[in-house]
Amino acid sequence: MDVHYLGGVLFLIGGIIAFIGGALQVLWKIIIALHQKSVAFLHSQMKYSMSVGFLIIISALIIARSSIDWLAIKTTLIHIPCVILIIIIIIRSFFYKISRSFFGSINAIISIVCS
């Protein structure tokens, strides 16, 4: 059974664990926003589930390193949607502090004008 050409079943399991950890964190934030209550388990589980999930992903990549089709991965990454997302991530990481202060000052100006 060929689940994924990158790391197989182990990679899939690690991805699912990390995804569930992130989804529970989002659920925790929604509960806080809607009911102003904090469910400690939903918040504290993320550091463990994400760590375990990514550790399983890394171990899957190490185990399957000889059978990984790096050319297929490279071709997937240079398609248009991926390239656009990679460029956005790079720009966002370089200009994070600038954009944060820029949008913070715009929010301050809007709140002054509206009040």
PDB file of N, CA and C in Angstrom:
ATOM      1  N   MET A   1       0.853  -1.184   0.000  1.00  0.00           N
ATOM      2  CA  MET A   1       0.000   0.000   0.000  1.00  0.00           C
ATOM      3  C   MET A   1       0.889   1.234   0.000  1.00  0.00           C
ATOM      4  N   ASP A   2       0.769   2.037  -1.036  1.00  0.00           N
ATOM      5  CA  ASP A   2       1.584   3.238  -1.151  1.00  0.00           C
ATOM      6  C   ASP A   2       0.759   4.440  -0.710  1.00  0.00           C
ATOM      7  N   VAL A   3       0.941   4.883   0.527  1.00  0.00           N
ATOM      8  CA  VAL A   3       0.145   5.971   1.077  1.00  0.00           C
ATOM      9  C   VAL A   3       0.666   7.316   0.600  1.00  0.00           C
ATOM     10  N   HIS A   4       1.943   7.508   0.661  1.00  0.00           N
ATOM     11  CA  HIS A   4       2.536   8.797   0.331  1.00  0.00           C
ATOM     12  C   HIS A   4       3.924   8.550  -0.195  1.00  0.00           C
ATOM     13  N   TYR A   5       4.318   9.226  -1.279  1.00  0.00           N
ATOM     14  CA  TYR A   5       5.637   8.962  -1.842  1.00  0.00           C
ATOM     15  C   TYR A   5       6.751   9.596  -1.038  1.00  0.00           C
ATOM     16  N   LEU A   6       6.422  10.357  -0.012  1.00  0.00           N
ATOM     17  CA  LEU A   6       7.454  11.020   0.767  1.00  0.00           C
ATOM     18  C   LEU A   6       7.934  10.178   1.943  1.00  0.00           C
ATOM     19  N   GLY A   7       7.036   9.691   2.771  1.00  0.00           N
ATOM     20  CA  GLY A   7       7.493   8.971   3.949  1.00  0.00           C
ATOM     21  C   GLY A   7       6.620   7.823   4.372  1.00  0.00           C
ATOM     22  N   GLY A   8       5.605   7.475   3.617  1.00  0.00           N
ATOM     23  CA  GLY A   8       4.774   6.324   3.908  1.00  0.00           C
ATOM     24  C   GLY A   8       3.794   6.537   5.037  1.00  0.00           C
ATOM     25  N   VAL A   9       3.407   5.420   5.644  1.00  0.00           N
ATOM     26  CA  VAL A   9       2.390   5.423   6.694  1.00  0.00           C
ATOM     27  C   VAL A   9       2.863   6.197   7.923  1.00  0.00           C
ATOM     28  N   LEU A  10       4.129   6.066   8.269  1.00  0.00           N
ATOM     29  CA  LEU A  10       4.665   6.769   9.437  1.00  0.00           C
ATOM     30  C   LEU A  10       4.561   8.282   9.259  1.00  0.00           C
ATOM     31  N   PHE A  11       4.848   8.754   8.053  1.00  0.00           N
ATOM     32  CA  PHE A  11       4.725  10.174   7.739  1.00  0.00           C
ATOM     33  C   PHE A  11       3.274  10.624   7.893  1.00  0.00           C
ATOM     34  N   LEU A  12       2.354   9.812   7.397  1.00  0.00           N
ATOM     35  CA  LEU A  12       0.928  10.122   7.493  1.00  0.00           C
ATOM     36  C   LEU A  12       0.468  10.176   8.944  1.00  0.00           C
ATOM     37  N   ILE A  13       0.905   9.232   9.756  1.00  0.00           N
ATOM     38  CA  ILE A  13       0.529   9.213  11.174  1.00  0.00           C
ATOM     39  C   ILE A  13       1.060  10.462  11.886  1.00  0.00           C
ATOM     40  N   GLY A  14       2.319  10.828  11.624  1.00  0.00           N
ATOM     41  CA  GLY A  14       2.884  12.036  12.230  1.00  0.00           C
ATOM     42  C   GLY A  14       2.141  13.288  11.815  1.00  0.00           C
ATOM     43  N   GLY A  15       1.764  13.357  10.544  1.00  0.00           N
ATOM     44  CA  GLY A  15       1.001  14.505  10.059  1.00  0.00           C
ATOM     45  C   GLY A  15      -0.369  14.600  10.703  1.00  0.00           C
ATOM     46  N   ILE A  16      -1.019  13.460  10.876  1.00  0.00           N
ATOM     47  CA  ILE A  16      -2.339  13.456  11.516  1.00  0.00           C
ATOM     48  C   ILE A  16      -2.236  13.878  12.976  1.00  0.00           C
ATOM     49  N   ILE A  17      -1.227  13.400  13.686  1.00  0.00           N
ATOM     50  CA  ILE A  17      -1.047  13.784  15.098  1.00  0.00           C
ATOM     51  C   ILE A  17      -0.794  15.288  15.209  1.00  0.00           C
ATOM     52  N   ALA A  18       0.068  15.832  14.348  1.00  0.00           N
ATOM     53  CA  ALA A  18       0.346  17.267  14.383  1.00  0.00           C
ATOM     54  C   ALA A  18      -0.895  18.071  14.012  1.00  0.00           C
ATOM     55  N   PHE A  19      -1.655  17.599  13.032  1.00  0.00           N
ATOM     56  CA  PHE A  19      -2.882  18.286  12.624  1.00  0.00           C
ATOM     57  C   PHE A  19      -3.906  18.308  13.752  1.00  0.00           C
ATOM     58  N   ILE A  20      -4.091  17.174  14.416  1.00  0.00           N
ATOM     59  CA  ILE A  20      -5.055  17.108  15.521  1.00  0.00           C
ATOM     60  C   ILE A  20      -4.629  18.044  16.646  1.00  0.00           C
ATOM     61  N   GLY A  21      -3.318  18.111  16.938  1.00  0.00           N
ATOM     62  CA  GLY A  21      -2.830  19.032  17.963  1.00  0.00           C
ATOM     63  C   GLY A  21      -3.131  20.480  17.620  1.00  0.00           C
ATOM     64  N   GLY A  22      -2.927  20.853  16.362  1.00  0.00           N
ATOM     65  CA  GLY A  22      -3.241  22.213  15.927  1.00  0.00           C
ATOM     66  C   GLY A  22      -4.732  22.493  15.948  1.00  0.00           C
ATOM     67  N   ALA A  23      -5.540  21.510  15.550  1.00  0.00           N
ATOM     68  CA  ALA A  23      -6.988  21.682  15.551  1.00  0.00           C
ATOM     69  C   ALA A  23      -7.528  21.848  16.973  1.00  0.00           C
ATOM     70  N   LEU A  24      -6.963  21.103  17.916  1.00  0.00           N
ATOM     71  CA  LEU A  24      -7.404  21.259  19.313  1.00  0.00           C
ATOM     72  C   LEU A  24      -7.001  22.623  19.869  1.00  0.00           C
ATOM     73  N   GLN A  25      -5.864  23.152  19.416  1.00  0.00           N
ATOM     74  CA  GLN A  25      -5.447  24.496  19.839  1.00  0.00           C
ATOM     75  C   GLN A  25      -6.429  25.543  19.299  1.00  0.00           C
ATOM     76  N   VAL A  26      -6.843  25.379  18.048  1.00  0.00           N
ATOM     77  CA  VAL A  26      -7.830  26.295  17.462  1.00  0.00           C
ATOM     78  C   VAL A  26      -9.148  26.196  18.216  1.00  0.00           C
ATOM     79  N   LEU A  27      -9.564  24.981  18.556  1.00  0.00           N
ATOM     80  CA  LEU A  27     -10.786  24.793  19.338  1.00  0.00           C
ATOM     81  C   LEU A  27     -10.682  25.496  20.683  1.00  0.00           C
ATOM     82  N   TRP A  28      -9.517  25.437  21.317  1.00  0.00           N
ATOM     83  CA  TRP A  28      -9.294  26.125  22.595  1.00  0.00           C
ATOM     84  C   TRP A  28      -9.473  27.638  22.423  1.00  0.00           C
ATOM     85  N   LYS A  29      -8.926  28.187  21.335  1.00  0.00           N
ATOM     86  CA  LYS A  29      -9.060  29.629  21.100  1.00  0.00           C
ATOM     87  C   LYS A  29     -10.503  30.018  20.819  1.00  0.00           C
ATOM     88  N   ILE A  30     -11.230  29.168  20.111  1.00  0.00           N
ATOM     89  CA  ILE A  30     -12.641  29.456  19.837  1.00  0.00           C
ATOM     90  C   ILE A  30     -13.447  29.430  21.130  1.00  0.00           C
ATOM     91  N   ILE A  31     -13.184  28.456  21.997  1.00  0.00           N
ATOM     92  CA  ILE A  31     -13.893  28.376  23.287  1.00  0.00           C
ATOM     93  C   ILE A  31     -13.608  29.613  24.125  1.00  0.00           C
ATOM     94  N   ILE A  32     -12.354  30.072  24.134  1.00  0.00           N
ATOM     95  CA  ILE A  32     -12.024  31.284  24.891  1.00  0.00           C
ATOM     96  C   ILE A  32     -12.745  32.485  24.307  1.00  0.00           C
ATOM     97  N   ALA A  33     -12.779  32.602  22.981  1.00  0.00           N
ATOM     98  CA  ALA A  33     -13.418  33.750  22.351  1.00  0.00           C
ATOM     99  C   ALA A  33     -14.931  33.761  22.574  1.00  0.00           C
ATOM    100  N   LEU A  34     -15.550  32.603  22.530  1.00  0.00           N
ATOM    101  CA  LEU A  34     -17.006  32.566  22.632  1.00  0.00           C
ATOM    102  C   LEU A  34     -17.519  32.512  24.066  1.00  0.00           C
ATOM    103  N   HIS A  35     -16.828  31.774  24.938  1.00  0.00           N
ATOM    104  CA  HIS A  35     -17.350  31.553  26.291  1.00  0.00           C
ATOM    105  C   HIS A  35     -16.466  32.108  27.400  1.00  0.00           C
ATOM    106  N   GLN A  36     -15.347  32.705  27.070  1.00  0.00           N
ATOM    107  CA  GLN A  36     -14.391  33.230  28.038  1.00  0.00           C
ATOM    108  C   GLN A  36     -14.007  32.200  29.099  1.00  0.00           C
ATOM    109  N   LYS A  37     -13.887  30.936  28.686  1.00  0.00           N
ATOM    110  CA  LYS A  37     -13.452  29.869  29.572  1.00  0.00           C
ATOM    111  C   LYS A  37     -12.238  29.202  28.939  1.00  0.00           C
ATOM    112  N   SER A  38     -11.301  28.814  29.779  1.00  0.00           N
ATOM    113  CA  SER A  38     -10.105  28.143  29.292  1.00  0.00           C
ATOM    114  C   SER A  38     -10.144  26.669  29.688  1.00  0.00           C
ATOM    115  N   VAL A  39     -10.039  25.815  28.701  1.00  0.00           N
ATOM    116  CA  VAL A  39      -9.940  24.381  28.943  1.00  0.00           C
ATOM    117  C   VAL A  39      -8.453  24.051  28.869  1.00  0.00           C
ATOM    118  N   ALA A  40      -7.856  23.790  30.008  1.00  0.00           N
ATOM    119  CA  ALA A  40      -6.399  23.660  30.095  1.00  0.00           C
ATOM    120  C   ALA A  40      -5.846  22.558  29.199  1.00  0.00           C
ATOM    121  N   PHE A  41      -6.564  21.451  29.083  1.00  0.00           N
ATOM    122  CA  PHE A  41      -6.064  20.344  28.267  1.00  0.00           C
ATOM    123  C   PHE A  41      -5.901  20.743  26.802  1.00  0.00           C
ATOM    124  N   LEU A  42      -6.860  21.506  26.278  1.00  0.00           N
ATOM    125  CA  LEU A  42      -6.799  21.896  24.872  1.00  0.00           C
ATOM    126  C   LEU A  42      -5.611  22.800  24.597  1.00  0.00           C
ATOM    127  N   HIS A  43      -5.193  23.575  25.588  1.00  0.00           N
ATOM    128  CA  HIS A  43      -4.048  24.462  25.395  1.00  0.00           C
ATOM    129  C   HIS A  43      -2.724  23.729  25.615  1.00  0.00           C
ATOM    130  N   SER A  44      -2.641  22.937  26.669  1.00  0.00           N
ATOM    131  CA  SER A  44      -1.355  22.336  27.029  1.00  0.00           C
ATOM    132  C   SER A  44      -0.974  21.146  26.149  1.00  0.00           C
ATOM    133  N   GLN A  45      -1.916  20.537  25.460  1.00  0.00           N
ATOM    134  CA  GLN A  45      -1.615  19.356  24.658  1.00  0.00           C
ATOM    135  C   GLN A  45      -0.819  19.693  23.413  1.00  0.00           C
ATOM    136  N   MET A  46      -0.889  20.942  22.952  1.00  0.00           N
ATOM    137  CA  MET A  46      -0.288  21.277  21.663  1.00  0.00           C
ATOM    138  C   MET A  46       1.220  21.054  21.641  1.00  0.00           C
ATOM    139  N   LYS A  47       1.898  21.453  22.701  1.00  0.00           N
ATOM    140  CA  LYS A  47       3.359  21.301  22.694  1.00  0.00           C
ATOM    141  C   LYS A  47       3.776  19.843  22.631  1.00  0.00           C
ATOM    142  N   TYR A  48       2.963  18.952  23.189  1.00  0.00           N
ATOM    143  CA  TYR A  48       3.296  17.530  23.153  1.00  0.00           C
ATOM    144  C   TYR A  48       2.893  16.890  21.821  1.00  0.00           C
ATOM    145  N   SER A  49       1.681  17.171  21.380  1.00  0.00           N
ATOM    146  CA  SER A  49       1.215  16.527  20.150  1.00  0.00           C
ATOM    147  C   SER A  49       1.986  17.023  18.930  1.00  0.00           C
ATOM    148  N   MET A  50       2.287  18.306  18.862  1.00  0.00           N
ATOM    149  CA  MET A  50       3.054  18.824  17.727  1.00  0.00           C
ATOM    150  C   MET A  50       4.473  18.272  17.752  1.00  0.00           C
ATOM    151  N   SER A  51       5.076  18.209  18.928  1.00  0.00           N
ATOM    152  CA  SER A  51       6.437  17.669  19.031  1.00  0.00           C
ATOM    153  C   SER A  51       6.482  16.208  18.613  1.00  0.00           C
ATOM    154  N   VAL A  52       5.547  15.418  19.105  1.00  0.00           N
ATOM    155  CA  VAL A  52       5.505  14.000  18.758  1.00  0.00           C
ATOM    156  C   VAL A  52       5.215  13.825  17.269  1.00  0.00           C
ATOM    157  N   GLY A  53       4.261  14.604  16.748  1.00  0.00           N
ATOM    158  CA  GLY A  53       3.921  14.496  15.333  1.00  0.00           C
ATOM    159  C   GLY A  53       5.096  14.819  14.429  1.00  0.00           C
ATOM    160  N   PHE A  54       5.793  15.920  14.716  1.00  0.00           N
ATOM    161  CA  PHE A  54       6.930  16.293  13.885  1.00  0.00           C
ATOM    162  C   PHE A  54       8.117  15.352  14.079  1.00  0.00           C
ATOM    163  N   LEU A  55       8.273  14.806  15.272  1.00  0.00           N
ATOM    164  CA  LEU A  55       9.324  13.808  15.499  1.00  0.00           C
ATOM    165  C   LEU A  55       9.061  12.548  14.671  1.00  0.00           C
ATOM    166  N   ILE A  56       7.794  12.139  14.600  1.00  0.00           N
ATOM    167  CA  ILE A  56       7.433  10.979  13.778  1.00  0.00           C
ATOM    168  C   ILE A  56       7.651  11.285  12.296  1.00  0.00           C
ATOM    169  N   ILE A  57       7.319  12.495  11.858  1.00  0.00           N
ATOM    170  CA  ILE A  57       7.550  12.885  10.463  1.00  0.00           C
ATOM    171  C   ILE A  57       9.037  12.856  10.131  1.00  0.00           C
ATOM    172  N   ILE A  58       9.856  13.417  11.012  1.00  0.00           N
ATOM    173  CA  ILE A  58      11.307  13.429  10.777  1.00  0.00           C
ATOM    174  C   ILE A  58      11.859  12.014  10.750  1.00  0.00           C
ATOM    175  N   SER A  59      11.397  11.158  11.676  1.00  0.00           N
ATOM    176  CA  SER A  59      11.882   9.776  11.678  1.00  0.00           C
ATOM    177  C   SER A  59      11.421   9.033  10.422  1.00  0.00           C
ATOM    178  N   ALA A  60      10.224   9.348   9.917  1.00  0.00           N
ATOM    179  CA  ALA A  60       9.759   8.720   8.675  1.00  0.00           C
ATOM    180  C   ALA A  60      10.636   9.144   7.502  1.00  0.00           C
ATOM    181  N   LEU A  61      11.040  10.406   7.483  1.00  0.00           N
ATOM    182  CA  LEU A  61      11.916  10.880   6.408  1.00  0.00           C
ATOM    183  C   LEU A  61      13.298  10.238   6.495  1.00  0.00           C
ATOM    184  N   ILE A  62      13.797  10.056   7.720  1.00  0.00           N
ATOM    185  CA  ILE A  62      15.099   9.404   7.891  1.00  0.00           C
ATOM    186  C   ILE A  62      15.028   7.940   7.464  1.00  0.00           C
ATOM    187  N   ILE A  63      13.956   7.257   7.838  1.00  0.00           N
ATOM    188  CA  ILE A  63      13.801   5.841   7.485  1.00  0.00           C
ATOM    189  C   ILE A  63      13.661   5.675   5.969  1.00  0.00           C
ATOM    190  N   ALA A  64      12.896   6.551   5.327  1.00  0.00           N
ATOM    191  CA  ALA A  64      12.603   6.387   3.898  1.00  0.00           C
ATOM    192  C   ALA A  64      13.507   7.228   3.002  1.00  0.00           C
ATOM    193  N   ARG A  65      14.616   7.720   3.506  1.00  0.00           N
ATOM    194  CA  ARG A  65      15.441   8.651   2.724  1.00  0.00           C
ATOM    195  C   ARG A  65      15.968   8.053   1.428  1.00  0.00           C
ATOM    196  N   SER A  66      16.206   6.757   1.395  1.00  0.00           N
ATOM    197  CA  SER A  66      16.742   6.157   0.164  1.00  0.00           C
ATOM    198  C   SER A  66      15.661   5.947  -0.892  1.00  0.00           C
ATOM    199  N   SER A  67      14.400   5.855  -0.472  1.00  0.00           N
ATOM    200  CA  SER A  67      13.330   5.613  -1.442  1.00  0.00           C
ATOM    201  C   SER A  67      12.536   6.862  -1.795  1.00  0.00           C
ATOM    202  N   ILE A  68      12.906   8.006  -1.267  1.00  0.00           N
ATOM    203  CA  ILE A  68      12.192   9.249  -1.553  1.00  0.00           C
ATOM    204  C   ILE A  68      12.562   9.727  -2.951  1.00  0.00           C
ATOM    205  N   ASP A  69      11.561  10.087  -3.711  1.00  0.00           N
ATOM    206  CA  ASP A  69      11.767  10.607  -5.062  1.00  0.00           C
ATOM    207  C   ASP A  69      11.926  12.127  -4.975  1.00  0.00           C
ATOM    208  N   TRP A  70      13.175  12.570  -4.799  1.00  0.00           N
ATOM    209  CA  TRP A  70      13.447  13.993  -4.603  1.00  0.00           C
ATOM    210  C   TRP A  70      13.090  14.823  -5.828  1.00  0.00           C
ATOM    211  N   LEU A  71      13.178  14.234  -7.026  1.00  0.00           N
ATOM    212  CA  LEU A  71      12.821  14.951  -8.252  1.00  0.00           C
ATOM    213  C   LEU A  71      11.325  15.262  -8.274  1.00  0.00           C
ATOM    214  N   ALA A  72      10.509  14.316  -7.825  1.00  0.00           N
ATOM    215  CA  ALA A  72       9.060  14.543  -7.770  1.00  0.00           C
ATOM    216  C   ALA A  72       8.722  15.630  -6.753  1.00  0.00           C
ATOM    217  N   ILE A  73       9.439  15.655  -5.648  1.00  0.00           N
ATOM    218  CA  ILE A  73       9.210  16.700  -4.639  1.00  0.00           C
ATOM    219  C   ILE A  73       9.596  18.062  -5.200  1.00  0.00           C
ATOM    220  N   LYS A  74      10.745  18.116  -5.885  1.00  0.00           N
ATOM    221  CA  LYS A  74      11.192  19.383  -6.476  1.00  0.00           C
ATOM    222  C   LYS A  74      10.199  19.876  -7.524  1.00  0.00           C
ATOM    223  N   THR A  75       9.693  18.965  -8.353  1.00  0.00           N
ATOM    224  CA  THR A  75       8.724  19.379  -9.371  1.00  0.00           C
ATOM    225  C   THR A  75       7.431  19.855  -8.729  1.00  0.00           C
ATOM    226  N   THR A  76       7.010  19.234  -7.648  1.00  0.00           N
ATOM    227  CA  THR A  76       5.802  19.678  -6.954  1.00  0.00           C
ATOM    228  C   THR A  76       5.996  21.064  -6.357  1.00  0.00           C
ATOM    229  N   LEU A  77       7.172  21.322  -5.801  1.00  0.00           N
ATOM    230  CA  LEU A  77       7.412  22.605  -5.147  1.00  0.00           C
ATOM    231  C   LEU A  77       7.554  23.770  -6.119  1.00  0.00           C
ATOM    232  N   ILE A  78       7.890  23.500  -7.387  1.00  0.00           N
ATOM    233  CA  ILE A  78       8.051  24.617  -8.311  1.00  0.00           C
ATOM    234  C   ILE A  78       6.805  24.866  -9.154  1.00  0.00           C
ATOM    235  N   HIS A  79       5.692  24.211  -8.840  1.00  0.00           N
ATOM    236  CA  HIS A  79       4.429  24.548  -9.495  1.00  0.00           C
ATOM    237  C   HIS A  79       3.908  25.871  -8.937  1.00  0.00           C
ATOM    238  N   ILE A  80       3.064  26.524  -9.692  1.00  0.00           N
ATOM    239  CA  ILE A  80       2.620  27.881  -9.382  1.00  0.00           C
ATOM    240  C   ILE A  80       2.030  28.050  -7.978  1.00  0.00           C
ATOM    241  N   PRO A  81       1.062  27.259  -7.519  1.00  0.00           N
ATOM    242  CA  PRO A  81       0.528  27.535  -6.177  1.00  0.00           C
ATOM    243  C   PRO A  81       1.594  27.439  -5.088  1.00  0.00           C
ATOM    244  N   CYS A  82       2.470  26.454  -5.186  1.00  0.00           N
ATOM    245  CA  CYS A  82       3.512  26.289  -4.173  1.00  0.00           C
ATOM    246  C   CYS A  82       4.507  27.445  -4.213  1.00  0.00           C
ATOM    247  N   VAL A  83       4.888  27.865  -5.401  1.00  0.00           N
ATOM    248  CA  VAL A  83       5.851  28.959  -5.526  1.00  0.00           C
ATOM    249  C   VAL A  83       5.283  30.236  -4.925  1.00  0.00           C
ATOM    250  N   ILE A  84       4.021  30.513  -5.193  1.00  0.00           N
ATOM    251  CA  ILE A  84       3.389  31.716  -4.628  1.00  0.00           C
ATOM    252  C   ILE A  84       3.377  31.646  -3.110  1.00  0.00           C
ATOM    253  N   LEU A  85       3.012  30.500  -2.546  1.00  0.00           N
ATOM    254  CA  LEU A  85       2.986  30.368  -1.091  1.00  0.00           C
ATOM    255  C   LEU A  85       4.383  30.482  -0.489  1.00  0.00           C
ATOM    256  N   ILE A  86       5.382  29.894  -1.140  1.00  0.00           N
ATOM    257  CA  ILE A  86       6.754  29.987  -0.634  1.00  0.00           C
ATOM    258  C   ILE A  86       7.240  31.431  -0.655  1.00  0.00           C
ATOM    259  N   ILE A  87       6.930  32.169  -1.719  1.00  0.00           N
ATOM    260  CA  ILE A  87       7.319  33.580  -1.804  1.00  0.00           C
ATOM    261  C   ILE A  87       6.634  34.397  -0.715  1.00  0.00           C
ATOM    262  N   ILE A  88       5.352  34.134  -0.481  1.00  0.00           N
ATOM    263  CA  ILE A  88       4.626  34.846   0.579  1.00  0.00           C
ATOM    264  C   ILE A  88       5.247  34.563   1.941  1.00  0.00           C
ATOM    265  N   ILE A  89       5.596  33.306   2.198  1.00  0.00           N
ATOM    266  CA  ILE A  89       6.209  32.940   3.485  1.00  0.00           C
ATOM    267  C   ILE A  89       7.554  33.636   3.657  1.00  0.00           C
ATOM    268  N   ILE A  90       8.366  33.672   2.606  1.00  0.00           N
ATOM    269  CA  ILE A  90       9.680  34.319   2.687  1.00  0.00           C
ATOM    270  C   ILE A  90       9.523  35.812   2.927  1.00  0.00           C
ATOM    271  N   ILE A  91       8.652  36.462   2.170  1.00  0.00           N
ATOM    272  CA  ILE A  91       8.433  37.905   2.351  1.00  0.00           C
ATOM    273  C   ILE A  91       7.905  38.184   3.751  1.00  0.00           C
ATOM    274  N   ARG A  92       6.955  37.392   4.202  1.00  0.00           N
ATOM    275  CA  ARG A  92       6.368  37.586   5.533  1.00  0.00           C
ATOM    276  C   ARG A  92       7.416  37.406   6.627  1.00  0.00           C
ATOM    277  N   SER A  93       8.320  36.455   6.470  1.00  0.00           N
ATOM    278  CA  SER A  93       9.314  36.228   7.518  1.00  0.00           C
ATOM    279  C   SER A  93      10.347  37.355   7.567  1.00  0.00           C
ATOM    280  N   PHE A  94      10.680  37.943   6.414  1.00  0.00           N
ATOM    281  CA  PHE A  94      11.642  39.038   6.410  1.00  0.00           C
ATOM    282  C   PHE A  94      11.048  40.345   6.910  1.00  0.00           C
ATOM    283  N   PHE A  95       9.783  40.581   6.613  1.00  0.00           N
ATOM    284  CA  PHE A  95       9.176  41.865   6.927  1.00  0.00           C
ATOM    285  C   PHE A  95       8.173  41.778   8.062  1.00  0.00           C
ATOM    286  N   TYR A  96       8.318  40.790   8.942  1.00  0.00           N
ATOM    287  CA  TYR A  96       7.345  40.605  10.018  1.00  0.00           C
ATOM    288  C   TYR A  96       7.286  41.804  10.946  1.00  0.00           C
ATOM    289  N   LYS A  97       8.433  42.275  11.406  1.00  0.00           N
ATOM    290  CA  LYS A  97       8.434  43.394  12.353  1.00  0.00           C
ATOM    291  C   LYS A  97       7.963  44.679  11.689  1.00  0.00           C
ATOM    292  N   ILE A  98       8.340  44.878  10.435  1.00  0.00           N
ATOM    293  CA  ILE A  98       7.911  46.084   9.733  1.00  0.00           C
ATOM    294  C   ILE A  98       6.402  46.078   9.551  1.00  0.00           C
ATOM    295  N   SER A  99       5.854  44.952   9.084  1.00  0.00           N
ATOM    296  CA  SER A  99       4.414  44.894   8.851  1.00  0.00           C
ATOM    297  C   SER A  99       3.643  44.962  10.162  1.00  0.00           C
ATOM    298  N   ARG A 100       4.210  44.373  11.217  1.00  0.00           N
ATOM    299  CA  ARG A 100       3.530  44.397  12.511  1.00  0.00           C
ATOM    300  C   ARG A 100       3.418  45.819  13.028  1.00  0.00           C
ATOM    301  N   SER A 101       4.504  46.595  12.941  1.00  0.00           N
ATOM    302  CA  SER A 101       4.442  47.970  13.406  1.00  0.00           C
ATOM    303  C   SER A 101       3.617  48.829  12.456  1.00  0.00           C
ATOM    304  N   PHE A 102       3.668  48.525  11.153  1.00  0.00           N
ATOM    305  CA  PHE A 102       2.898  49.285  10.170  1.00  0.00           C
ATOM    306  C   PHE A 102       1.409  49.099  10.404  1.00  0.00           C
ATOM    307  N   PHE A 103       0.955  47.834  10.527  1.00  0.00           N
ATOM    308  CA  PHE A 103      -0.460  47.585  10.740  1.00  0.00           C
ATOM    309  C   PHE A 103      -0.903  48.031  12.130  1.00  0.00           C
ATOM    310  N   GLY A 104      -0.004  47.985  13.091  1.00  0.00           N
ATOM    311  CA  GLY A 104      -0.341  48.493  14.420  1.00  0.00           C
ATOM    312  C   GLY A 104      -0.609  49.985  14.390  1.00  0.00           C
ATOM    313  N   SER A 105       0.194  50.740  13.641  1.00  0.00           N
ATOM    314  CA  SER A 105      -0.024  52.181  13.555  1.00  0.00           C
ATOM    315  C   SER A 105      -1.271  52.499  12.742  1.00  0.00           C
ATOM    316  N   ILE A 106      -1.567  51.694  11.725  1.00  0.00           N
ATOM    317  CA  ILE A 106      -2.810  51.916  10.969  1.00  0.00           C
ATOM    318  C   ILE A 106      -4.014  51.650  11.861  1.00  0.00           C
ATOM    319  N   ASN A 107      -3.978  50.600  12.663  1.00  0.00           N
ATOM    320  CA  ASN A 107      -5.082  50.326  13.595  1.00  0.00           C
ATOM    321  C   ASN A 107      -5.234  51.444  14.598  1.00  0.00           C
ATOM    322  N   ALA A 108      -4.142  52.023  15.074  1.00  0.00           N
ATOM    323  CA  ALA A 108      -4.218  53.132  16.020  1.00  0.00           C
ATOM    324  C   ALA A 108      -4.844  54.359  15.371  1.00  0.00           C
ATOM    325  N   ILE A 109      -4.465  54.650  14.144  1.00  0.00           N
ATOM    326  CA  ILE A 109      -5.029  55.809  13.432  1.00  0.00           C
ATOM    327  C   ILE A 109      -6.518  55.607  13.194  1.00  0.00           C
ATOM    328  N   ILE A 110      -6.913  54.410  12.779  1.00  0.00           N
ATOM    329  CA  ILE A 110      -8.338  54.130  12.540  1.00  0.00           C
ATOM    330  C   ILE A 110      -9.136  54.258  13.820  1.00  0.00           C
ATOM    331  N   SER A 111      -8.615  53.749  14.926  1.00  0.00           N
ATOM    332  CA  SER A 111      -9.354  53.846  16.184  1.00  0.00           C
ATOM    333  C   SER A 111      -9.470  55.284  16.667  1.00  0.00           C
ATOM    334  N   ILE A 112      -8.442  56.110  16.419  1.00  0.00           N
ATOM    335  CA  ILE A 112      -8.511  57.533  16.801  1.00  0.00           C
ATOM    336  C   ILE A 112      -9.551  58.256  15.948  1.00  0.00           C
ATOM    337  N   VAL A 113      -9.535  57.992  14.631  1.00  0.00           N
ATOM    338  CA  VAL A 113     -10.462  58.652  13.722  1.00  0.00           C
ATOM    339  C   VAL A 113     -11.903  58.246  14.023  1.00  0.00           C
ATOM    340  N   CYS A 114     -12.127  56.969  14.302  1.00  0.00           N
ATOM    341  CA  CYS A 114     -13.491  56.478  14.526  1.00  0.00           C
ATOM    342  C   CYS A 114     -14.039  56.855  15.898  1.00  0.00           C
ATOM    343  N   SER A 115     -13.173  57.219  16.842  1.00  0.00           N
ATOM    344  CA  SER A 115     -13.697  57.547  18.183  1.00  0.00           C
ATOM    345  C   SER A 115     -13.858  59.014  18.376  1.00  0.00           C
TER     346      SER A 115
END
